[in-house]
Amino acid sequence: MSKKDNAPMPASSAGLLTFFNEETQGVKIRPEIVVIGSISLIAVSIVINIFK
Protein backbone atom coordinates (compact mmCIF):
# COMPACT_ATOMS: atom_id res chain seq x y z
CA MET A 1 0.00 0.00 0.00
CA SER A 2 1.21 3.48 -0.78
CA LYS A 3 1.20 6.50 1.47
CA LYS A 4 -1.70 7.94 -0.49
CA ASP A 5 -3.95 5.00 0.43
CA ASN A 6 -3.26 5.48 4.16
CA ALA A 7 -3.70 9.26 4.16
CA PRO A 8 -6.26 10.53 6.68
CA MET A 9 -9.56 11.80 5.36
CA PRO A 10 -10.07 15.56 5.41
CA ALA A 11 -12.03 16.93 8.35
CA SER A 12 -15.70 17.33 7.59
CA SER A 13 -17.85 20.25 8.60
CA ALA A 14 -20.20 18.01 10.59
CA GLY A 15 -18.85 19.42 13.84
CA LEU A 16 -19.70 22.97 12.76
CA LEU A 17 -23.19 21.96 11.70
CA THR A 18 -23.77 20.31 15.03
CA PHE A 19 -22.49 23.39 16.84
CA PHE A 20 -24.78 25.80 14.97
CA ASN A 21 -27.84 23.55 15.26
CA GLU A 22 -27.69 23.48 19.05
CA GLU A 23 -30.35 25.50 20.83
CA THR A 24 -29.04 28.04 23.30
CA GLN A 25 -30.79 29.92 26.05
CA GLY A 26 -31.41 33.61 25.65
CA VAL A 27 -33.47 36.06 23.66
CA LYS A 28 -34.54 34.82 20.25
CA ILE A 29 -35.10 37.58 17.68
CA ARG A 30 -36.01 37.04 14.05
CA PRO A 31 -33.37 38.32 11.61
CA GLU A 32 -35.94 40.51 9.85
CA ILE A 33 -36.54 42.47 13.04
CA VAL A 34 -32.81 43.04 13.52
CA VAL A 35 -32.41 44.32 9.94
CA ILE A 36 -35.47 46.59 10.15
CA GLY A 37 -34.32 47.94 13.51
CA SER A 38 -30.85 48.69 12.17
CA ILE A 39 -32.20 50.47 9.09
CA SER A 40 -34.62 52.47 11.27
CA LEU A 41 -31.82 53.54 13.62
CA ILE A 42 -29.69 54.67 10.67
CA ALA A 43 -32.62 56.58 9.14
CA VAL A 44 -33.42 58.34 12.44
CA SER A 45 -29.76 59.26 12.86
CA ILE A 46 -29.62 60.78 9.35
CA VAL A 47 -32.85 62.74 9.91
CA ILE A 48 -31.56 64.11 13.24
CA ASN A 49 -28.31 65.23 11.56
CA ILE A 50 -30.21 66.93 8.71
CA PHE A 51 -32.45 68.98 11.04
CA LYS A 52 -29.71 69.78 13.55
PDB file of N, CA and C in Angstrom:
ATOM      1  N   MET A   1       0.834  -1.186   0.000  1.00  0.00           N
ATOM      2  CA  MET A   1       0.000   0.000   0.000  1.00  0.00           C
ATOM      3  C   MET A   1       0.878   1.248   0.000  1.00  0.00           C
ATOM      4  N   SER A   2       0.438   2.241  -0.706  1.00  0.00           N
ATOM      5  CA  SER A   2       1.207   3.478  -0.776  1.00  0.00           C
ATOM      6  C   SER A   2       0.766   4.435   0.325  1.00  0.00           C
ATOM      7  N   LYS A   3       1.544   5.490   0.468  1.00  0.00           N
ATOM      8  CA  LYS A   3       1.202   6.500   1.472  1.00  0.00           C
ATOM      9  C   LYS A   3      -0.151   7.141   1.176  1.00  0.00           C
ATOM     10  N   LYS A   4      -0.458   7.285  -0.096  1.00  0.00           N
ATOM     11  CA  LYS A   4      -1.703   7.942  -0.486  1.00  0.00           C
ATOM     12  C   LYS A   4      -2.913   7.148  -0.005  1.00  0.00           C
ATOM     13  N   ASP A   5      -2.831   5.835  -0.009  1.00  0.00           N
ATOM     14  CA  ASP A   5      -3.951   5.004   0.431  1.00  0.00           C
ATOM     15  C   ASP A   5      -4.177   5.126   1.937  1.00  0.00           C
ATOM     16  N   ASN A   6      -3.146   5.385   2.711  1.00  0.00           N
ATOM     17  CA  ASN A   6      -3.261   5.477   4.159  1.00  0.00           C
ATOM     18  C   ASN A   6      -3.446   6.907   4.660  1.00  0.00           C
ATOM     19  N   ALA A   7      -3.569   7.855   3.755  1.00  0.00           N
ATOM     20  CA  ALA A   7      -3.705   9.257   4.155  1.00  0.00           C
ATOM     21  C   ALA A   7      -5.027   9.454   4.897  1.00  0.00           C
ATOM     22  N   PRO A   8      -5.009  10.283   5.939  1.00  0.00           N
ATOM     23  CA  PRO A   8      -6.255  10.532   6.678  1.00  0.00           C
ATOM     24  C   PRO A   8      -7.252  11.316   5.826  1.00  0.00           C
ATOM     25  N   MET A   9      -8.505  11.088   6.076  1.00  0.00           N
ATOM     26  CA  MET A   9      -9.555  11.796   5.360  1.00  0.00           C
ATOM     27  C   MET A   9      -9.600  13.240   5.836  1.00  0.00           C
ATOM     28  N   PRO A  10      -9.971  14.169   4.971  1.00  0.00           N
ATOM     29  CA  PRO A  10     -10.072  15.565   5.406  1.00  0.00           C
ATOM     30  C   PRO A  10     -11.194  15.727   6.432  1.00  0.00           C
ATOM     31  N   ALA A  11     -11.017  16.683   7.318  1.00  0.00           N
ATOM     32  CA  ALA A  11     -12.033  16.926   8.349  1.00  0.00           C
ATOM     33  C   ALA A  11     -13.316  17.414   7.687  1.00  0.00           C
ATOM     34  N   SER A  12     -14.417  16.899   8.146  1.00  0.00           N
ATOM     35  CA  SER A  12     -15.703  17.331   7.593  1.00  0.00           C
ATOM     36  C   SER A  12     -16.229  18.501   8.401  1.00  0.00           C
ATOM     37  N   SER A  13     -17.260  19.122   7.897  1.00  0.00           N
ATOM     38  CA  SER A  13     -17.852  20.252   8.598  1.00  0.00           C
ATOM     39  C   SER A  13     -18.991  19.801   9.504  1.00  0.00           C
ATOM     40  N   ALA A  14     -19.107  18.522   9.757  1.00  0.00           N
ATOM     41  CA  ALA A  14     -20.201  18.010  10.588  1.00  0.00           C
ATOM     42  C   ALA A  14     -20.149  18.596  11.992  1.00  0.00           C
ATOM     43  N   GLY A  15     -18.974  18.830  12.518  1.00  0.00           N
ATOM     44  CA  GLY A  15     -18.846  19.424  13.841  1.00  0.00           C
ATOM     45  C   GLY A  15     -19.402  20.838  13.883  1.00  0.00           C
ATOM     46  N   LEU A  16     -19.166  21.611  12.815  1.00  0.00           N
ATOM     47  CA  LEU A  16     -19.695  22.966  12.756  1.00  0.00           C
ATOM     48  C   LEU A  16     -21.210  22.947  12.643  1.00  0.00           C
ATOM     49  N   LEU A  17     -21.737  22.042  11.835  1.00  0.00           N
ATOM     50  CA  LEU A  17     -23.190  21.958  11.699  1.00  0.00           C
ATOM     51  C   LEU A  17     -23.834  21.599  13.027  1.00  0.00           C
ATOM     52  N   THR A  18     -23.231  20.693  13.730  1.00  0.00           N
ATOM     53  CA  THR A  18     -23.773  20.308  15.032  1.00  0.00           C
ATOM     54  C   THR A  18     -23.720  21.485  15.992  1.00  0.00           C
ATOM     55  N   PHE A  19     -22.632  22.245  15.954  1.00  0.00           N
ATOM     56  CA  PHE A  19     -22.491  23.395  16.841  1.00  0.00           C
ATOM     57  C   PHE A  19     -23.575  24.425  16.566  1.00  0.00           C
ATOM     58  N   PHE A  20     -23.824  24.750  15.296  1.00  0.00           N
ATOM     59  CA  PHE A  20     -24.778  25.795  14.970  1.00  0.00           C
ATOM     60  C   PHE A  20     -26.226  25.328  15.103  1.00  0.00           C
ATOM     61  N   ASN A  21     -26.482  24.042  15.120  1.00  0.00           N
ATOM     62  CA  ASN A  21     -27.838  23.552  15.264  1.00  0.00           C
ATOM     63  C   ASN A  21     -28.272  23.445  16.720  1.00  0.00           C
ATOM     64  N   GLU A  22     -27.340  23.593  17.644  1.00  0.00           N
ATOM     65  CA  GLU A  22     -27.692  23.480  19.052  1.00  0.00           C
ATOM     66  C   GLU A  22     -28.512  24.684  19.482  1.00  0.00           C
ATOM     67  N   GLU A  23     -29.528  24.427  20.290  1.00  0.00           N
ATOM     68  CA  GLU A  23     -30.346  25.500  20.833  1.00  0.00           C
ATOM     69  C   GLU A  23     -29.660  26.082  22.050  1.00  0.00           C
ATOM     70  N   THR A  24     -29.638  27.388  22.144  1.00  0.00           N
ATOM     71  CA  THR A  24     -29.044  28.038  23.301  1.00  0.00           C
ATOM     72  C   THR A  24     -30.110  28.850  24.014  1.00  0.00           C
ATOM     73  N   GLN A  25     -29.870  29.106  25.283  1.00  0.00           N
ATOM     74  CA  GLN A  25     -30.792  29.921  26.050  1.00  0.00           C
ATOM     75  C   GLN A  25     -30.536  31.375  25.729  1.00  0.00           C
ATOM     76  N   GLY A  26     -31.553  32.180  25.879  1.00  0.00           N
ATOM     77  CA  GLY A  26     -31.406  33.609  25.645  1.00  0.00           C
ATOM     78  C   GLY A  26     -32.546  34.127  24.793  1.00  0.00           C
ATOM     79  N   VAL A  27     -32.435  35.397  24.448  1.00  0.00           N
ATOM     80  CA  VAL A  27     -33.466  36.060  23.662  1.00  0.00           C
ATOM     81  C   VAL A  27     -33.373  35.588  22.221  1.00  0.00           C
ATOM     82  N   LYS A  28     -34.507  35.238  21.645  1.00  0.00           N
ATOM     83  CA  LYS A  28     -34.545  34.821  20.251  1.00  0.00           C
ATOM     84  C   LYS A  28     -35.266  35.906  19.463  1.00  0.00           C
ATOM     85  N   ILE A  29     -34.549  36.510  18.505  1.00  0.00           N
ATOM     86  CA  ILE A  29     -35.102  37.582  17.682  1.00  0.00           C
ATOM     87  C   ILE A  29     -34.973  37.168  16.225  1.00  0.00           C
ATOM     88  N   ARG A  30     -36.050  37.368  15.479  1.00  0.00           N
ATOM     89  CA  ARG A  30     -36.008  37.044  14.055  1.00  0.00           C
ATOM     90  C   ARG A  30     -35.052  37.980  13.337  1.00  0.00           C
ATOM     91  N   PRO A  31     -34.326  37.478  12.338  1.00  0.00           N
ATOM     92  CA  PRO A  31     -33.367  38.324  11.611  1.00  0.00           C
ATOM     93  C   PRO A  31     -34.011  39.532  10.941  1.00  0.00           C
ATOM     94  N   GLU A  32     -35.257  39.399  10.501  1.00  0.00           N
ATOM     95  CA  GLU A  32     -35.940  40.512   9.847  1.00  0.00           C
ATOM     96  C   GLU A  32     -36.082  41.696  10.793  1.00  0.00           C
ATOM     97  N   ILE A  33     -36.376  41.412  12.059  1.00  0.00           N
ATOM     98  CA  ILE A  33     -36.542  42.473  13.044  1.00  0.00           C
ATOM     99  C   ILE A  33     -35.211  43.184  13.284  1.00  0.00           C
ATOM    100  N   VAL A  34     -34.133  42.441  13.316  1.00  0.00           N
ATOM    101  CA  VAL A  34     -32.808  43.041  13.517  1.00  0.00           C
ATOM    102  C   VAL A  34     -32.462  43.960  12.342  1.00  0.00           C
ATOM    103  N   VAL A  35     -32.720  43.516  11.119  1.00  0.00           N
ATOM    104  CA  VAL A  35     -32.409  44.325   9.937  1.00  0.00           C
ATOM    105  C   VAL A  35     -33.276  45.577   9.912  1.00  0.00           C
ATOM    106  N   ILE A  36     -34.571  45.437  10.154  1.00  0.00           N
ATOM    107  CA  ILE A  36     -35.475  46.591  10.146  1.00  0.00           C
ATOM    108  C   ILE A  36     -35.093  47.576  11.249  1.00  0.00           C
ATOM    109  N   GLY A  37     -34.745  47.067  12.419  1.00  0.00           N
ATOM    110  CA  GLY A  37     -34.322  47.938  13.514  1.00  0.00           C
ATOM    111  C   GLY A  37     -33.052  48.701  13.174  1.00  0.00           C
ATOM    112  N   SER A  38     -32.107  48.034  12.552  1.00  0.00           N
ATOM    113  CA  SER A  38     -30.851  48.688  12.167  1.00  0.00           C
ATOM    114  C   SER A  38     -31.098  49.786  11.139  1.00  0.00           C
ATOM    115  N   ILE A  39     -31.898  49.482  10.131  1.00  0.00           N
ATOM    116  CA  ILE A  39     -32.200  50.474   9.094  1.00  0.00           C
ATOM    117  C   ILE A  39     -32.947  51.656   9.700  1.00  0.00           C
ATOM    118  N   SER A  40     -33.868  51.393  10.618  1.00  0.00           N
ATOM    119  CA  SER A  40     -34.617  52.467  11.274  1.00  0.00           C
ATOM    120  C   SER A  40     -33.681  53.358  12.085  1.00  0.00           C
ATOM    121  N   LEU A  41     -32.770  52.769  12.818  1.00  0.00           N
ATOM    122  CA  LEU A  41     -31.819  53.545  13.620  1.00  0.00           C
ATOM    123  C   LEU A  41     -30.939  54.421  12.732  1.00  0.00           C
ATOM    124  N   ILE A  42     -30.498  53.879  11.605  1.00  0.00           N
ATOM    125  CA  ILE A  42     -29.690  54.669  10.666  1.00  0.00           C
ATOM    126  C   ILE A  42     -30.505  55.819  10.097  1.00  0.00           C
ATOM    127  N   ALA A  43     -31.757  55.544   9.715  1.00  0.00           N
ATOM    128  CA  ALA A  43     -32.618  56.582   9.140  1.00  0.00           C
ATOM    129  C   ALA A  43     -32.881  57.684  10.157  1.00  0.00           C
ATOM    130  N   VAL A  44     -33.175  57.335  11.394  1.00  0.00           N
ATOM    131  CA  VAL A  44     -33.424  58.341  12.436  1.00  0.00           C
ATOM    132  C   VAL A  44     -32.166  59.172  12.669  1.00  0.00           C
ATOM    133  N   SER A  45     -31.017  58.548  12.671  1.00  0.00           N
ATOM    134  CA  SER A  45     -29.765  59.260  12.860  1.00  0.00           C
ATOM    135  C   SER A  45     -29.527  60.265  11.725  1.00  0.00           C
ATOM    136  N   ILE A  46     -29.795  59.875  10.500  1.00  0.00           N
ATOM    137  CA  ILE A  46     -29.622  60.778   9.351  1.00  0.00           C
ATOM    138  C   ILE A  46     -30.587  61.946   9.458  1.00  0.00           C
ATOM    139  N   VAL A  47     -31.838  61.672   9.800  1.00  0.00           N
ATOM    140  CA  VAL A  47     -32.850  62.740   9.913  1.00  0.00           C
ATOM    141  C   VAL A  47     -32.452  63.716  11.012  1.00  0.00           C
ATOM    142  N   ILE A  48     -31.980  63.229  12.137  1.00  0.00           N
ATOM    143  CA  ILE A  48     -31.562  64.114  13.237  1.00  0.00           C
ATOM    144  C   ILE A  48     -30.393  65.001  12.781  1.00  0.00           C
ATOM    145  N   ASN A  49     -29.441  64.433  12.039  1.00  0.00           N
ATOM    146  CA  ASN A  49     -28.306  65.226  11.558  1.00  0.00           C
ATOM    147  C   ASN A  49     -28.720  66.256  10.527  1.00  0.00           C
ATOM    148  N   ILE A  50     -29.736  65.968   9.737  1.00  0.00           N
ATOM    149  CA  ILE A  50     -30.211  66.931   8.714  1.00  0.00           C
ATOM    150  C   ILE A  50     -30.864  68.128   9.404  1.00  0.00           C
ATOM    151  N   PHE A  51     -31.705  67.905  10.395  1.00  0.00           N
ATOM    152  CA  PHE A  51     -32.448  68.978  11.044  1.00  0.00           C
ATOM    153  C   PHE A  51     -31.709  69.611  12.223  1.00  0.00           C
ATOM    154  N   LYS A  52     -30.486  69.257  12.428  1.00  0.00           N
ATOM    155  CA  LYS A  52     -29.705  69.777  13.545  1.00  0.00           C
ATOM    156  C   LYS A  52     -29.215  71.179  13.285  1.00  0.00           C
TER     157      LYS A  52
END
